[in-house]
Amino acid sequence: MSTPKEYENSRFLTSRDARVIRIISEYLEPQSRMRRAGIRSTVVFFGSAKSMSLEEAQDRFGPAASGRDDAASSQDVERAAKQIRLARYYDDARELARRLTLWCKEKAATGDLVVCSGGGPGMMEAANRGASEAGGKSIGLNISLPGEQEPNRFVTPGLSIEYHYFFMRKLWFMYLARALVVFPGGFGTMDELFEVLTLTQTRKVDRPVPVIVYGRDYWQDIINFEKFVEWGTINASDLDLFHLVDDVDEALRLLTSLLPVKKRGRTGRGRS
């Protein structure tokens, strides 16, 4: 019986000693896959994994939210109404990704600028779904979690990438990004938003990366950005690092005015 080569030794490759090999693999394998797919740049969509489409939310929560469910408590009614409010953003993310993909197919070189999401359910699914409905490619950068976040079915086959390390996933969010759209979300979305703002504020990104923060009702309820300025922890000019918008038309208008239109054959890669 022949002894397996060390680079085929799965016991070693999954050990602590081989961690650096796994980290490098999570950098090089996506790079190879993007190159083969002809993808040079992305528009990244962030947002909650817990949202659903408006149609699904109305089916599940409509009776309680409208008071037609006699068994629903006041808490049930309030929770149902919030789920329906959140679902509006799923539909907006889907429509924005669809319209943006159509614009990219017309204005940019084929495969040059595509939608990218975290690959999971909720707002991430909405972004991949919209791109798919427009007949475009889209990427899903999924992460293995204890809750088993499954890749959504709308990611383009071959472009669903599974990560173990959050920091490598974040690197790939930014590595090809030409813009980011941040929909309502929880801790993960906050983490991603503030990392992007920090990288932009400290000029660790060597190119303009517009940040669109979508949904005034949500974001102004969750974060008082002006208080950072009042307390002197950021400069007033730092509030210009992002654009707060509230509808698909406004978001698309901003994106199409700020995104560079790449010529065929140019690389869109930059350092981050």
C-alpha atoms as a PDB file:
ATOM      1  CA  MET A   1       0.000   0.000   0.000  1.00  0.00           C
ATOM      2  CA  SER A   2       1.498   3.351  -1.069  1.00  0.00           C
ATOM      3  CA  THR A   3       1.909   6.198   1.382  1.00  0.00           C
ATOM      4  CA  PRO A   4      -0.266   9.234   0.450  1.00  0.00           C
ATOM      5  CA  LYS A   5       1.514  12.438  -0.507  1.00  0.00           C
ATOM      6  CA  GLU A   6       1.457  15.071   2.207  1.00  0.00           C
ATOM      7  CA  TYR A   7      -0.627  17.508   0.149  1.00  0.00           C
ATOM      8  CA  GLU A   8      -3.275  14.749  -0.004  1.00  0.00           C
ATOM      9  CA  ASN A   9      -3.161  14.075   3.739  1.00  0.00           C
ATOM     10  CA  SER A  10      -6.571  15.292   4.908  1.00  0.00           C
ATOM     11  CA  ARG A  11      -5.729  14.662   8.564  1.00  0.00           C
ATOM     12  CA  PHE A  12      -2.817  17.072   8.340  1.00  0.00           C
ATOM     13  CA  LEU A  13      -4.683  19.618   6.168  1.00  0.00           C
ATOM     14  CA  THR A  14      -7.443  19.922   8.773  1.00  0.00           C
ATOM     15  CA  SER A  15      -5.022  20.189  11.685  1.00  0.00           C
ATOM     16  CA  ARG A  16      -3.889  23.288  13.570  1.00  0.00           C
ATOM     17  CA  ASP A  17      -0.449  23.069  11.952  1.00  0.00           C
ATOM     18  CA  ALA A  18      -1.983  23.487   8.487  1.00  0.00           C
ATOM     19  CA  ARG A  19      -4.122  26.525   9.324  1.00  0.00           C
ATOM     20  CA  VAL A  20      -1.999  28.823   7.167  1.00  0.00           C
ATOM     21  CA  ILE A  21      -2.540  26.494   4.184  1.00  0.00           C
ATOM     22  CA  ARG A  22      -6.300  26.670   4.683  1.00  0.00           C
ATOM     23  CA  ILE A  23      -6.176  30.469   4.915  1.00  0.00           C
ATOM     24  CA  ILE A  24      -4.150  30.731   1.705  1.00  0.00           C
ATOM     25  CA  SER A  25      -6.575  28.337   0.013  1.00  0.00           C
ATOM     26  CA  GLU A  26      -9.481  30.618   0.907  1.00  0.00           C
ATOM     27  CA  TYR A  27      -7.621  33.423  -0.847  1.00  0.00           C
ATOM     28  CA  LEU A  28      -6.298  31.617  -3.938  1.00  0.00           C
ATOM     29  CA  GLU A  29      -9.210  29.320  -4.820  1.00  0.00           C
ATOM     30  CA  PRO A  30     -11.797  32.157  -5.107  1.00  0.00           C
ATOM     31  CA  GLN A  31      -9.261  34.196  -7.092  1.00  0.00           C
ATOM     32  CA  SER A  32      -8.865  31.337  -9.559  1.00  0.00           C
ATOM     33  CA  ARG A  33     -12.615  30.858  -9.798  1.00  0.00           C
ATOM     34  CA  MET A  34     -13.309  34.571 -10.407  1.00  0.00           C
ATOM     35  CA  ARG A  35     -10.645  34.703 -13.090  1.00  0.00           C
ATOM     36  CA  ARG A  36     -12.097  31.697 -14.907  1.00  0.00           C
ATOM     37  CA  ALA A  37     -15.566  33.288 -14.777  1.00  0.00           C
ATOM     38  CA  GLY A  38     -14.237  36.574 -16.183  1.00  0.00           C
ATOM     39  CA  ILE A  39     -15.297  38.566 -13.122  1.00  0.00           C
ATOM     40  CA  ARG A  40     -13.224  41.677 -12.484  1.00  0.00           C
ATOM     41  CA  SER A  41     -15.429  43.777 -10.213  1.00  0.00           C
ATOM     42  CA  THR A  42     -18.542  43.553  -8.054  1.00  0.00           C
ATOM     43  CA  VAL A  43     -21.319  45.477  -6.374  1.00  0.00           C
ATOM     44  CA  VAL A  44     -21.736  43.929  -2.929  1.00  0.00           C
ATOM     45  CA  PHE A  45     -25.114  43.660  -1.197  1.00  0.00           C
ATOM     46  CA  PHE A  46     -25.214  43.243   2.589  1.00  0.00           C
ATOM     47  CA  GLY A  47     -28.320  42.659   4.741  1.00  0.00           C
ATOM     48  CA  SER A  48     -30.253  40.467   7.127  1.00  0.00           C
ATOM     49  CA  ALA A  49     -30.478  36.711   6.666  1.00  0.00           C
ATOM     50  CA  LYS A  50     -33.800  36.758   8.544  1.00  0.00           C
ATOM     51  CA  SER A  51     -35.886  38.682   6.014  1.00  0.00           C
ATOM     52  CA  MET A  52     -38.270  37.180   3.468  1.00  0.00           C
ATOM     53  CA  SER A  53     -40.139  38.348   0.406  1.00  0.00           C
ATOM     54  CA  LEU A  54     -43.158  40.596   0.910  1.00  0.00           C
ATOM     55  CA  GLU A  55     -45.426  37.957  -0.614  1.00  0.00           C
ATOM     56  CA  GLU A  56     -44.216  35.324   1.869  1.00  0.00           C
ATOM     57  CA  ALA A  57     -44.421  37.742   4.804  1.00  0.00           C
ATOM     58  CA  GLN A  58     -47.992  38.723   3.959  1.00  0.00           C
ATOM     59  CA  ASP A  59     -48.982  35.070   3.694  1.00  0.00           C
ATOM     60  CA  ARG A  60     -47.402  34.233   7.056  1.00  0.00           C
ATOM     61  CA  PHE A  61     -48.018  37.401   9.051  1.00  0.00           C
ATOM     62  CA  GLY A  62     -50.767  39.271   7.207  1.00  0.00           C
ATOM     63  CA  PRO A  63     -53.694  37.961   9.284  1.00  0.00           C
ATOM     64  CA  ALA A  64     -51.997  38.878  12.573  1.00  0.00           C
ATOM     65  CA  ALA A  65     -50.760  42.265  11.334  1.00  0.00           C
ATOM     66  CA  SER A  66     -54.220  43.237  10.057  1.00  0.00           C
ATOM     67  CA  GLY A  67     -56.041  42.047  13.165  1.00  0.00           C
ATOM     68  CA  ARG A  68     -57.834  39.209  11.356  1.00  0.00           C
ATOM     69  CA  ASP A  69     -56.210  36.582  13.595  1.00  0.00           C
ATOM     70  CA  ASP A  70     -58.282  36.551  16.790  1.00  0.00           C
ATOM     71  CA  ALA A  71     -55.731  34.338  18.540  1.00  0.00           C
ATOM     72  CA  ALA A  72     -52.888  36.834  18.014  1.00  0.00           C
ATOM     73  CA  SER A  73     -51.699  38.778  21.054  1.00  0.00           C
ATOM     74  CA  SER A  74     -50.661  42.424  20.868  1.00  0.00           C
ATOM     75  CA  GLN A  75     -47.050  41.270  20.766  1.00  0.00           C
ATOM     76  CA  ASP A  76     -47.873  38.939  17.868  1.00  0.00           C
ATOM     77  CA  VAL A  77     -49.485  41.823  15.981  1.00  0.00           C
ATOM     78  CA  GLU A  78     -46.469  44.078  16.527  1.00  0.00           C
ATOM     79  CA  ARG A  79     -44.012  41.336  15.523  1.00  0.00           C
ATOM     80  CA  ALA A  80     -46.027  40.540  12.394  1.00  0.00           C
ATOM     81  CA  ALA A  81     -46.142  44.187  11.349  1.00  0.00           C
ATOM     82  CA  LYS A  82     -42.359  44.461  11.697  1.00  0.00           C
ATOM     83  CA  GLN A  83     -41.785  41.332   9.621  1.00  0.00           C
ATOM     84  CA  ILE A  84     -43.880  42.830   6.836  1.00  0.00           C
ATOM     85  CA  ARG A  85     -41.992  46.140   7.090  1.00  0.00           C
ATOM     86  CA  LEU A  86     -38.679  44.261   6.867  1.00  0.00           C
ATOM     87  CA  ALA A  87     -39.932  42.252   3.880  1.00  0.00           C
ATOM     88  CA  ARG A  88     -40.325  45.454   1.895  1.00  0.00           C
ATOM     89  CA  TYR A  89     -36.526  45.707   1.899  1.00  0.00           C
ATOM     90  CA  TYR A  90     -36.178  42.167   0.535  1.00  0.00           C
ATOM     91  CA  ASP A  91     -38.284  43.181  -2.444  1.00  0.00           C
ATOM     92  CA  ASP A  92     -36.305  46.409  -2.867  1.00  0.00           C
ATOM     93  CA  ALA A  93     -32.974  44.535  -2.783  1.00  0.00           C
ATOM     94  CA  ARG A  94     -34.280  42.109  -5.391  1.00  0.00           C
ATOM     95  CA  GLU A  95     -35.474  44.910  -7.682  1.00  0.00           C
ATOM     96  CA  LEU A  96     -32.320  46.989  -7.260  1.00  0.00           C
ATOM     97  CA  ALA A  97     -30.109  43.993  -8.068  1.00  0.00           C
ATOM     98  CA  ARG A  98     -32.245  43.200 -11.106  1.00  0.00           C
ATOM     99  CA  ARG A  99     -32.141  46.735 -12.497  1.00  0.00           C
ATOM    100  CA  LEU A 100     -28.468  47.194 -11.662  1.00  0.00           C
ATOM    101  CA  THR A 101     -27.606  43.938 -13.439  1.00  0.00           C
ATOM    102  CA  LEU A 102     -29.478  45.088 -16.546  1.00  0.00           C
ATOM    103  CA  TRP A 103     -27.552  48.372 -16.437  1.00  0.00           C
ATOM    104  CA  CYS A 104     -24.237  46.568 -16.008  1.00  0.00           C
ATOM    105  CA  LYS A 105     -24.953  44.260 -18.947  1.00  0.00           C
ATOM    106  CA  GLU A 106     -25.668  47.263 -21.162  1.00  0.00           C
ATOM    107  CA  LYS A 107     -23.007  49.696 -19.943  1.00  0.00           C
ATOM    108  CA  ALA A 108     -20.150  47.494 -18.769  1.00  0.00           C
ATOM    109  CA  ALA A 109     -18.116  44.804 -20.494  1.00  0.00           C
ATOM    110  CA  THR A 110     -19.628  41.333 -20.287  1.00  0.00           C
ATOM    111  CA  GLY A 111     -18.983  39.813 -16.878  1.00  0.00           C
ATOM    112  CA  ASP A 112     -17.074  42.872 -15.730  1.00  0.00           C
ATOM    113  CA  LEU A 113     -19.386  44.086 -12.970  1.00  0.00           C
ATOM    114  CA  VAL A 114     -21.652  41.633 -11.145  1.00  0.00           C
ATOM    115  CA  VAL A 115     -23.749  41.469  -7.996  1.00  0.00           C
ATOM    116  CA  CYS A 116     -22.143  39.768  -4.998  1.00  0.00           C
ATOM    117  CA  SER A 117     -23.821  38.807  -1.730  1.00  0.00           C
ATOM    118  CA  GLY A 118     -23.092  36.807   1.385  1.00  0.00           C
ATOM    119  CA  GLY A 119     -24.680  33.852  -0.368  1.00  0.00           C
ATOM    120  CA  GLY A 120     -27.247  32.991   2.286  1.00  0.00           C
ATOM    121  CA  PRO A 121     -30.987  33.637   2.728  1.00  0.00           C
ATOM    122  CA  GLY A 122     -32.841  36.909   3.295  1.00  0.00           C
ATOM    123  CA  MET A 123     -31.453  40.087   1.730  1.00  0.00           C
ATOM    124  CA  MET A 124     -28.559  38.063   0.330  1.00  0.00           C
ATOM    125  CA  GLU A 125     -30.964  35.774  -1.502  1.00  0.00           C
ATOM    126  CA  ALA A 126     -32.873  38.816  -2.763  1.00  0.00           C
ATOM    127  CA  ALA A 127     -29.734  40.269  -4.379  1.00  0.00           C
ATOM    128  CA  ASN A 128     -28.795  37.011  -6.118  1.00  0.00           C
ATOM    129  CA  ARG A 129     -32.410  36.487  -7.124  1.00  0.00           C
ATOM    130  CA  GLY A 130     -32.687  39.902  -8.758  1.00  0.00           C
ATOM    131  CA  ALA A 131     -29.456  39.398 -10.683  1.00  0.00           C
ATOM    132  CA  SER A 132     -30.648  35.967 -11.842  1.00  0.00           C
ATOM    133  CA  GLU A 133     -33.978  37.406 -13.013  1.00  0.00           C
ATOM    134  CA  ALA A 134     -32.035  39.902 -15.140  1.00  0.00           C
ATOM    135  CA  GLY A 135     -30.102  37.057 -16.755  1.00  0.00           C
ATOM    136  CA  GLY A 136     -26.817  38.030 -15.118  1.00  0.00           C
ATOM    137  CA  LYS A 137     -24.166  36.284 -13.101  1.00  0.00           C
ATOM    138  CA  SER A 138     -23.976  36.741  -9.336  1.00  0.00           C
ATOM    139  CA  ILE A 139     -21.633  35.597  -6.600  1.00  0.00           C
ATOM    140  CA  GLY A 140     -22.400  34.165  -3.169  1.00  0.00           C
ATOM    141  CA  LEU A 141     -19.691  34.271  -0.510  1.00  0.00           C
ATOM    142  CA  ASN A 142     -21.208  31.947   2.059  1.00  0.00           C
ATOM    143  CA  ILE A 143     -19.820  31.238   5.540  1.00  0.00           C
ATOM    144  CA  SER A 144     -20.039  27.971   7.477  1.00  0.00           C
ATOM    145  CA  LEU A 145     -21.879  28.665  10.732  1.00  0.00           C
ATOM    146  CA  PRO A 146     -23.192  26.519  13.592  1.00  0.00           C
ATOM    147  CA  GLY A 147     -26.699  27.277  12.334  1.00  0.00           C
ATOM    148  CA  GLU A 148     -25.760  25.835   8.927  1.00  0.00           C
ATOM    149  CA  GLN A 149     -26.396  28.853   6.725  1.00  0.00           C
ATOM    150  CA  GLU A 150     -27.132  27.270   3.363  1.00  0.00           C
ATOM    151  CA  PRO A 151     -26.239  28.960   0.064  1.00  0.00           C
ATOM    152  CA  ASN A 152     -29.323  30.289  -1.688  1.00  0.00           C
ATOM    153  CA  ARG A 153     -30.385  28.737  -4.987  1.00  0.00           C
ATOM    154  CA  PHE A 154     -30.070  31.937  -7.023  1.00  0.00           C
ATOM    155  CA  VAL A 155     -26.267  32.169  -6.938  1.00  0.00           C
ATOM    156  CA  THR A 156     -24.765  31.430 -10.349  1.00  0.00           C
ATOM    157  CA  PRO A 157     -23.538  27.793 -10.474  1.00  0.00           C
ATOM    158  CA  GLY A 158     -19.815  27.686  -9.834  1.00  0.00           C
ATOM    159  CA  LEU A 159     -19.823  31.079  -8.067  1.00  0.00           C
ATOM    160  CA  SER A 160     -21.037  29.914  -4.652  1.00  0.00           C
ATOM    161  CA  ILE A 161     -17.962  29.974  -2.428  1.00  0.00           C
ATOM    162  CA  GLU A 162     -17.886  28.499   1.073  1.00  0.00           C
ATOM    163  CA  TYR A 163     -15.661  30.113   3.712  1.00  0.00           C
ATOM    164  CA  HIS A 164     -14.532  29.016   7.134  1.00  0.00           C
ATOM    165  CA  TYR A 165     -12.692  32.229   8.053  1.00  0.00           C
ATOM    166  CA  PHE A 166     -14.707  35.425   8.385  1.00  0.00           C
ATOM    167  CA  PHE A 167     -11.688  37.618   7.667  1.00  0.00           C
ATOM    168  CA  MET A 168     -11.003  35.928   4.333  1.00  0.00           C
ATOM    169  CA  ARG A 169     -14.644  36.280   3.370  1.00  0.00           C
ATOM    170  CA  LYS A 170     -14.491  39.980   4.247  1.00  0.00           C
ATOM    171  CA  LEU A 171     -11.352  40.409   2.174  1.00  0.00           C
ATOM    172  CA  TRP A 172     -13.162  39.021  -0.851  1.00  0.00           C
ATOM    173  CA  PHE A 173     -16.150  41.265  -0.233  1.00  0.00           C
ATOM    174  CA  MET A 174     -13.831  44.251  -0.645  1.00  0.00           C
ATOM    175  CA  TYR A 175     -11.191  42.935  -3.038  1.00  0.00           C
ATOM    176  CA  LEU A 176     -13.262  43.361  -6.202  1.00  0.00           C
ATOM    177  CA  ALA A 177     -15.889  45.776  -4.851  1.00  0.00           C
ATOM    178  CA  ARG A 178     -16.725  48.924  -6.774  1.00  0.00           C
ATOM    179  CA  ALA A 179     -19.721  49.779  -4.588  1.00  0.00           C
ATOM    180  CA  LEU A 180     -21.594  48.415  -1.594  1.00  0.00           C
ATOM    181  CA  VAL A 181     -25.298  48.497  -0.784  1.00  0.00           C
ATOM    182  CA  VAL A 182     -26.185  47.890   2.856  1.00  0.00           C
ATOM    183  CA  PHE A 183     -29.759  46.860   3.594  1.00  0.00           C
ATOM    184  CA  PRO A 184     -31.248  46.469   7.099  1.00  0.00           C
ATOM    185  CA  GLY A 185     -29.519  43.739   9.079  1.00  0.00           C
ATOM    186  CA  GLY A 186     -28.229  42.564  12.426  1.00  0.00           C
ATOM    187  CA  PHE A 187     -24.812  42.195  14.026  1.00  0.00           C
ATOM    188  CA  GLY A 188     -23.211  40.716  10.910  1.00  0.00           C
ATOM    189  CA  THR A 189     -24.443  43.549   8.713  1.00  0.00           C
ATOM    190  CA  MET A 190     -23.281  46.130  11.286  1.00  0.00           C
ATOM    191  CA  ASP A 191     -19.869  44.488  11.382  1.00  0.00           C
ATOM    192  CA  GLU A 192     -19.591  44.598   7.596  1.00  0.00           C
ATOM    193  CA  LEU A 193     -20.847  48.170   7.316  1.00  0.00           C
ATOM    194  CA  PHE A 194     -18.482  49.590   9.925  1.00  0.00           C
ATOM    195  CA  GLU A 195     -15.515  47.642   8.563  1.00  0.00           C
ATOM    196  CA  VAL A 196     -16.142  49.127   5.120  1.00  0.00           C
ATOM    197  CA  LEU A 197     -16.519  52.640   6.570  1.00  0.00           C
ATOM    198  CA  THR A 198     -13.301  52.179   8.565  1.00  0.00           C
ATOM    199  CA  LEU A 199     -11.361  50.990   5.507  1.00  0.00           C
ATOM    200  CA  THR A 200     -12.654  53.946   3.526  1.00  0.00           C
ATOM    201  CA  GLN A 201     -12.065  56.468   6.323  1.00  0.00           C
ATOM    202  CA  THR A 202      -8.478  55.302   6.815  1.00  0.00           C
ATOM    203  CA  ARG A 203      -7.842  55.092   3.048  1.00  0.00           C
ATOM    204  CA  LYS A 204      -6.968  51.428   3.146  1.00  0.00           C
ATOM    205  CA  VAL A 205      -8.908  51.055  -0.091  1.00  0.00           C
ATOM    206  CA  ASP A 206      -7.048  52.574  -3.042  1.00  0.00           C
ATOM    207  CA  ARG A 207     -10.123  53.388  -5.135  1.00  0.00           C
ATOM    208  CA  PRO A 208     -13.523  55.040  -4.668  1.00  0.00           C
ATOM    209  CA  VAL A 209     -16.046  52.586  -3.225  1.00  0.00           C
ATOM    210  CA  PRO A 210     -19.442  54.257  -2.809  1.00  0.00           C
ATOM    211  CA  VAL A 211     -21.427  52.975   0.167  1.00  0.00           C
ATOM    212  CA  ILE A 212     -25.220  53.077  -0.175  1.00  0.00           C
ATOM    213  CA  VAL A 213     -27.059  52.636   3.146  1.00  0.00           C
ATOM    214  CA  TYR A 214     -30.601  51.650   2.239  1.00  0.00           C
ATOM    215  CA  GLY A 215     -33.674  52.361   4.350  1.00  0.00           C
ATOM    216  CA  ARG A 216     -33.899  55.566   6.397  1.00  0.00           C
ATOM    217  CA  ASP A 217     -36.646  54.238   8.676  1.00  0.00           C
ATOM    218  CA  TYR A 218     -34.476  51.351   9.779  1.00  0.00           C
ATOM    219  CA  TRP A 219     -31.060  52.978   9.986  1.00  0.00           C
ATOM    220  CA  GLN A 220     -32.195  56.187  11.684  1.00  0.00           C
ATOM    221  CA  ASP A 221     -34.067  54.065  14.218  1.00  0.00           C
ATOM    222  CA  ILE A 222     -31.022  51.858  14.904  1.00  0.00           C
ATOM    223  CA  ILE A 223     -28.043  54.234  14.653  1.00  0.00           C
ATOM    224  CA  ASN A 224     -27.738  57.963  15.298  1.00  0.00           C
ATOM    225  CA  PHE A 225     -24.744  58.681  13.091  1.00  0.00           C
ATOM    226  CA  GLU A 226     -24.728  62.380  14.009  1.00  0.00           C
ATOM    227  CA  LYS A 227     -23.983  61.492  17.629  1.00  0.00           C
ATOM    228  CA  PHE A 228     -20.532  60.287  16.573  1.00  0.00           C
ATOM    229  CA  VAL A 229     -19.832  63.834  15.402  1.00  0.00           C
ATOM    230  CA  GLU A 230     -21.362  65.413  18.521  1.00  0.00           C
ATOM    231  CA  TRP A 231     -19.118  63.299  20.730  1.00  0.00           C
ATOM    232  CA  GLY A 232     -16.089  64.117  18.618  1.00  0.00           C
ATOM    233  CA  THR A 233     -15.299  60.487  17.735  1.00  0.00           C
ATOM    234  CA  ILE A 234     -15.536  61.131  13.993  1.00  0.00           C
ATOM    235  CA  ASN A 235     -15.254  64.225  11.825  1.00  0.00           C
ATOM    236  CA  ALA A 236     -18.341  65.770  10.280  1.00  0.00           C
ATOM    237  CA  SER A 237     -16.866  64.982   6.852  1.00  0.00           C
ATOM    238  CA  ASP A 238     -16.932  61.258   7.717  1.00  0.00           C
ATOM    239  CA  LEU A 239     -20.703  61.334   7.303  1.00  0.00           C
ATOM    240  CA  ASP A 240     -20.016  61.848   3.598  1.00  0.00           C
ATOM    241  CA  LEU A 241     -18.501  58.353   3.411  1.00  0.00           C
ATOM    242  CA  PHE A 242     -21.970  56.891   2.808  1.00  0.00           C
ATOM    243  CA  HIS A 243     -25.237  57.825   1.110  1.00  0.00           C
ATOM    244  CA  LEU A 244     -28.505  57.207   2.948  1.00  0.00           C
ATOM    245  CA  VAL A 245     -31.293  56.361   0.495  1.00  0.00           C
ATOM    246  CA  ASP A 246     -34.845  55.116   0.722  1.00  0.00           C
ATOM    247  CA  ASP A 247     -35.968  53.858  -2.678  1.00  0.00           C
ATOM    248  CA  VAL A 248     -34.734  51.831  -5.624  1.00  0.00           C
ATOM    249  CA  ASP A 249     -34.761  54.741  -8.074  1.00  0.00           C
ATOM    250  CA  GLU A 250     -32.537  56.871  -5.844  1.00  0.00           C
ATOM    251  CA  ALA A 251     -30.131  54.008  -5.139  1.00  0.00           C
ATOM    252  CA  LEU A 252     -29.842  53.085  -8.823  1.00  0.00           C
ATOM    253  CA  ARG A 253     -29.330  56.710  -9.826  1.00  0.00           C
ATOM    254  CA  LEU A 254     -26.492  57.061  -7.326  1.00  0.00           C
ATOM    255  CA  LEU A 255     -24.844  53.791  -8.285  1.00  0.00           C
ATOM    256  CA  THR A 256     -24.954  54.411 -12.024  1.00  0.00           C
ATOM    257  CA  SER A 257     -23.551  57.916 -11.562  1.00  0.00           C
ATOM    258  CA  LEU A 258     -20.714  56.788  -9.287  1.00  0.00           C
ATOM    259  CA  LEU A 259     -19.702  53.432 -10.784  1.00  0.00           C
ATOM    260  CA  PRO A 260     -16.944  53.442 -13.393  1.00  0.00           C
ATOM    261  CA  VAL A 261     -17.843  51.843 -16.684  1.00  0.00           C
ATOM    262  CA  LYS A 262     -15.031  49.456 -17.464  1.00  0.00           C
ATOM    263  CA  LYS A 263     -13.731  48.837 -20.968  1.00  0.00           C
ATOM    264  CA  ARG A 264     -13.399  45.265 -22.155  1.00  0.00           C
ATOM    265  CA  GLY A 265     -10.051  43.813 -21.210  1.00  0.00           C
ATOM    266  CA  ARG A 266      -9.295  46.153 -18.329  1.00  0.00           C
ATOM    267  CA  THR A 267      -8.786  44.582 -14.946  1.00  0.00           C
ATOM    268  CA  GLY A 268     -10.913  45.891 -12.125  1.00  0.00           C
ATOM    269  CA  ARG A 269      -8.835  44.503  -9.314  1.00  0.00           C
ATOM    270  CA  GLY A 270      -7.379  46.681  -6.611  1.00  0.00           C
ATOM    271  CA  ARG A 271      -5.788  46.264  -3.226  1.00  0.00           C
ATOM    272  CA  SER A 272      -7.691  46.302   0.018  1.00  0.00           C
END
